[in-house]
Amino acid sequence: MEYLQQVARVTAAAAESKRPVHARQLDEVAARPDALGQLGRVFQRMAREVYAREQSLKQQVQELRIQIDEAKKAREVAEITESDYFRQLKERARRLRDEGRG
């Protein structure tokens, strides 16, 4: 009966694989010395690997968002500083500085 309950735990964990699975949920099953225990240990390892990949991907997404934000800001600054109006203002400021020195 206990064996069937543990099989049900492994089956339930596999069926819920779309949701976060905590490897500890199968500790009791994984402690078994038989094939079911081996299956439990394999499933725990897979759950840990999936979780680690998920965390890595989340970090990469965050880094990409930061890079996108930085590129967007740089593009906005370039649009302003490369405009004719900005160049004219810059030239006027240079002339005023030159006149102030003279």
C-alpha atoms as a PDB file:
ATOM      1  CA  MET A   1       0.000   0.000   0.000  1.00  0.00           C
ATOM      2  CA  GLU A   2       2.850   2.355   0.901  1.00  0.00           C
ATOM      3  CA  TYR A   3       4.524   1.571  -2.426  1.00  0.00           C
ATOM      4  CA  LEU A   4       1.375   2.527  -4.329  1.00  0.00           C
ATOM      5  CA  GLN A   5       1.080   5.760  -2.349  1.00  0.00           C
ATOM      6  CA  GLN A   6       4.639   6.661  -3.254  1.00  0.00           C
ATOM      7  CA  VAL A   7       4.011   5.777  -6.895  1.00  0.00           C
ATOM      8  CA  ALA A   8       1.050   8.146  -6.713  1.00  0.00           C
ATOM      9  CA  ARG A   9       3.350  10.892  -5.346  1.00  0.00           C
ATOM     10  CA  VAL A  10       5.791  10.478  -8.224  1.00  0.00           C
ATOM     11  CA  THR A  11       2.935  10.385 -10.731  1.00  0.00           C
ATOM     12  CA  ALA A  12       1.375  13.507  -9.217  1.00  0.00           C
ATOM     13  CA  ALA A  13       4.716  15.341  -9.256  1.00  0.00           C
ATOM     14  CA  ALA A  14       5.207  14.411 -12.912  1.00  0.00           C
ATOM     15  CA  ALA A  15       1.686  15.545 -13.794  1.00  0.00           C
ATOM     16  CA  GLU A  16       2.285  18.882 -12.092  1.00  0.00           C
ATOM     17  CA  SER A  17       5.583  19.468 -13.833  1.00  0.00           C
ATOM     18  CA  LYS A  18       4.258  22.721 -15.336  1.00  0.00           C
ATOM     19  CA  ARG A  19       4.145  24.201 -11.855  1.00  0.00           C
ATOM     20  CA  PRO A  20       7.228  24.693  -9.697  1.00  0.00           C
ATOM     21  CA  VAL A  21       8.156  21.357  -8.206  1.00  0.00           C
ATOM     22  CA  HIS A  22      10.066  21.219  -4.963  1.00  0.00           C
ATOM     23  CA  ALA A  23      12.532  18.373  -4.979  1.00  0.00           C
ATOM     24  CA  ARG A  24      11.849  17.789  -1.277  1.00  0.00           C
ATOM     25  CA  GLN A  25       8.346  16.595  -2.057  1.00  0.00           C
ATOM     26  CA  LEU A  26       9.842  13.284  -3.103  1.00  0.00           C
ATOM     27  CA  ASP A  27      12.390  12.845  -0.292  1.00  0.00           C
ATOM     28  CA  GLU A  28      10.587   9.840   1.143  1.00  0.00           C
ATOM     29  CA  VAL A  29      10.281   8.180  -2.261  1.00  0.00           C
ATOM     30  CA  ALA A  30      13.898   8.973  -3.182  1.00  0.00           C
ATOM     31  CA  ALA A  31      15.100   7.320   0.024  1.00  0.00           C
ATOM     32  CA  ARG A  32      13.857   3.943  -1.177  1.00  0.00           C
ATOM     33  CA  PRO A  33      16.581   1.509  -2.324  1.00  0.00           C
ATOM     34  CA  ASP A  34      14.485   0.112  -5.194  1.00  0.00           C
ATOM     35  CA  ALA A  35      13.594   1.243  -8.707  1.00  0.00           C
ATOM     36  CA  LEU A  36      10.922   3.596  -7.423  1.00  0.00           C
ATOM     37  CA  GLY A  37      13.535   5.295  -5.248  1.00  0.00           C
ATOM     38  CA  GLN A  38      15.782   5.619  -8.299  1.00  0.00           C
ATOM     39  CA  LEU A  39      12.906   7.208 -10.212  1.00  0.00           C
ATOM     40  CA  GLY A  40      12.303   9.592  -7.315  1.00  0.00           C
ATOM     41  CA  ARG A  41      15.978  10.607  -7.239  1.00  0.00           C
ATOM     42  CA  VAL A  42      16.035  11.133 -11.013  1.00  0.00           C
ATOM     43  CA  PHE A  43      12.921  13.250 -10.796  1.00  0.00           C
ATOM     44  CA  GLN A  44      14.401  15.304  -7.942  1.00  0.00           C
ATOM     45  CA  ARG A  45      17.562  15.938  -9.943  1.00  0.00           C
ATOM     46  CA  MET A  46      15.531  16.966 -12.986  1.00  0.00           C
ATOM     47  CA  ALA A  47      13.422  19.306 -10.847  1.00  0.00           C
ATOM     48  CA  ARG A  48      16.557  20.955  -9.453  1.00  0.00           C
ATOM     49  CA  GLU A  49      18.031  21.330 -12.943  1.00  0.00           C
ATOM     50  CA  VAL A  50      14.827  22.851 -14.318  1.00  0.00           C
ATOM     51  CA  TYR A  51      14.710  25.267 -11.383  1.00  0.00           C
ATOM     52  CA  ALA A  52      18.363  26.264 -11.920  1.00  0.00           C
ATOM     53  CA  ARG A  53      17.738  26.841 -15.636  1.00  0.00           C
ATOM     54  CA  GLU A  54      14.659  28.885 -14.856  1.00  0.00           C
ATOM     55  CA  GLN A  55      16.638  31.072 -12.452  1.00  0.00           C
ATOM     56  CA  SER A  56      19.403  31.505 -15.024  1.00  0.00           C
ATOM     57  CA  LEU A  57      16.900  32.490 -17.704  1.00  0.00           C
ATOM     58  CA  LYS A  58      15.260  34.996 -15.362  1.00  0.00           C
ATOM     59  CA  GLN A  59      18.671  36.559 -14.730  1.00  0.00           C
ATOM     60  CA  GLN A  60      19.376  36.726 -18.464  1.00  0.00           C
ATOM     61  CA  VAL A  61      16.006  38.364 -19.114  1.00  0.00           C
ATOM     62  CA  GLN A  62      16.747  40.963 -16.426  1.00  0.00           C
ATOM     63  CA  GLU A  63      20.158  41.686 -17.957  1.00  0.00           C
ATOM     64  CA  LEU A  64      18.597  42.024 -21.422  1.00  0.00           C
ATOM     65  CA  ARG A  65      16.007  44.459 -20.076  1.00  0.00           C
ATOM     66  CA  ILE A  66      18.778  46.586 -18.614  1.00  0.00           C
ATOM     67  CA  GLN A  67      20.673  46.539 -21.917  1.00  0.00           C
ATOM     68  CA  ILE A  68      17.529  47.459 -23.839  1.00  0.00           C
ATOM     69  CA  ASP A  69      16.836  50.347 -21.462  1.00  0.00           C
ATOM     70  CA  GLU A  70      20.410  51.596 -21.818  1.00  0.00           C
ATOM     71  CA  ALA A  71      20.262  51.377 -25.607  1.00  0.00           C
ATOM     72  CA  LYS A  72      16.928  53.205 -25.633  1.00  0.00           C
ATOM     73  CA  LYS A  73      18.358  56.002 -23.471  1.00  0.00           C
ATOM     74  CA  ALA A  74      21.443  56.271 -25.665  1.00  0.00           C
ATOM     75  CA  ARG A  75      19.247  56.480 -28.768  1.00  0.00           C
ATOM     76  CA  GLU A  76      17.098  59.192 -27.192  1.00  0.00           C
ATOM     77  CA  VAL A  77      20.185  61.217 -26.220  1.00  0.00           C
ATOM     78  CA  ALA A  78      21.588  60.802 -29.732  1.00  0.00           C
ATOM     79  CA  GLU A  79      18.311  62.004 -31.259  1.00  0.00           C
ATOM     80  CA  ILE A  80      18.573  65.177 -29.188  1.00  0.00           C
ATOM     81  CA  THR A  81      22.300  65.868 -29.524  1.00  0.00           C
ATOM     82  CA  GLU A  82      22.369  65.117 -33.244  1.00  0.00           C
ATOM     83  CA  SER A  83      19.467  67.411 -34.098  1.00  0.00           C
ATOM     84  CA  ASP A  84      20.028  70.605 -36.054  1.00  0.00           C
ATOM     85  CA  TYR A  85      18.509  72.644 -33.231  1.00  0.00           C
ATOM     86  CA  PHE A  86      20.998  71.231 -30.697  1.00  0.00           C
ATOM     87  CA  ARG A  87      23.913  71.841 -33.067  1.00  0.00           C
ATOM     88  CA  GLN A  88      22.812  75.463 -33.526  1.00  0.00           C
ATOM     89  CA  LEU A  89      22.574  75.959 -29.764  1.00  0.00           C
ATOM     90  CA  LYS A  90      25.990  74.416 -29.303  1.00  0.00           C
ATOM     91  CA  GLU A  91      27.461  76.737 -31.940  1.00  0.00           C
ATOM     92  CA  ARG A  92      25.847  79.788 -30.305  1.00  0.00           C
ATOM     93  CA  ALA A  93      27.229  78.762 -26.931  1.00  0.00           C
ATOM     94  CA  ARG A  94      30.713  78.397 -28.435  1.00  0.00           C
ATOM     95  CA  ARG A  95      30.480  81.869 -30.009  1.00  0.00           C
ATOM     96  CA  LEU A  96      29.316  83.418 -26.738  1.00  0.00           C
ATOM     97  CA  ARG A  97      32.245  81.805 -24.905  1.00  0.00           C
ATOM     98  CA  ASP A  98      34.656  83.068 -27.564  1.00  0.00           C
ATOM     99  CA  GLU A  99      33.217  86.606 -27.327  1.00  0.00           C
ATOM    100  CA  GLY A 100      33.473  86.524 -23.531  1.00  0.00           C
ATOM    101  CA  ARG A 101      37.187  85.725 -23.757  1.00  0.00           C
ATOM    102  CA  GLY A 102      37.920  88.425 -26.281  1.00  0.00           C
END
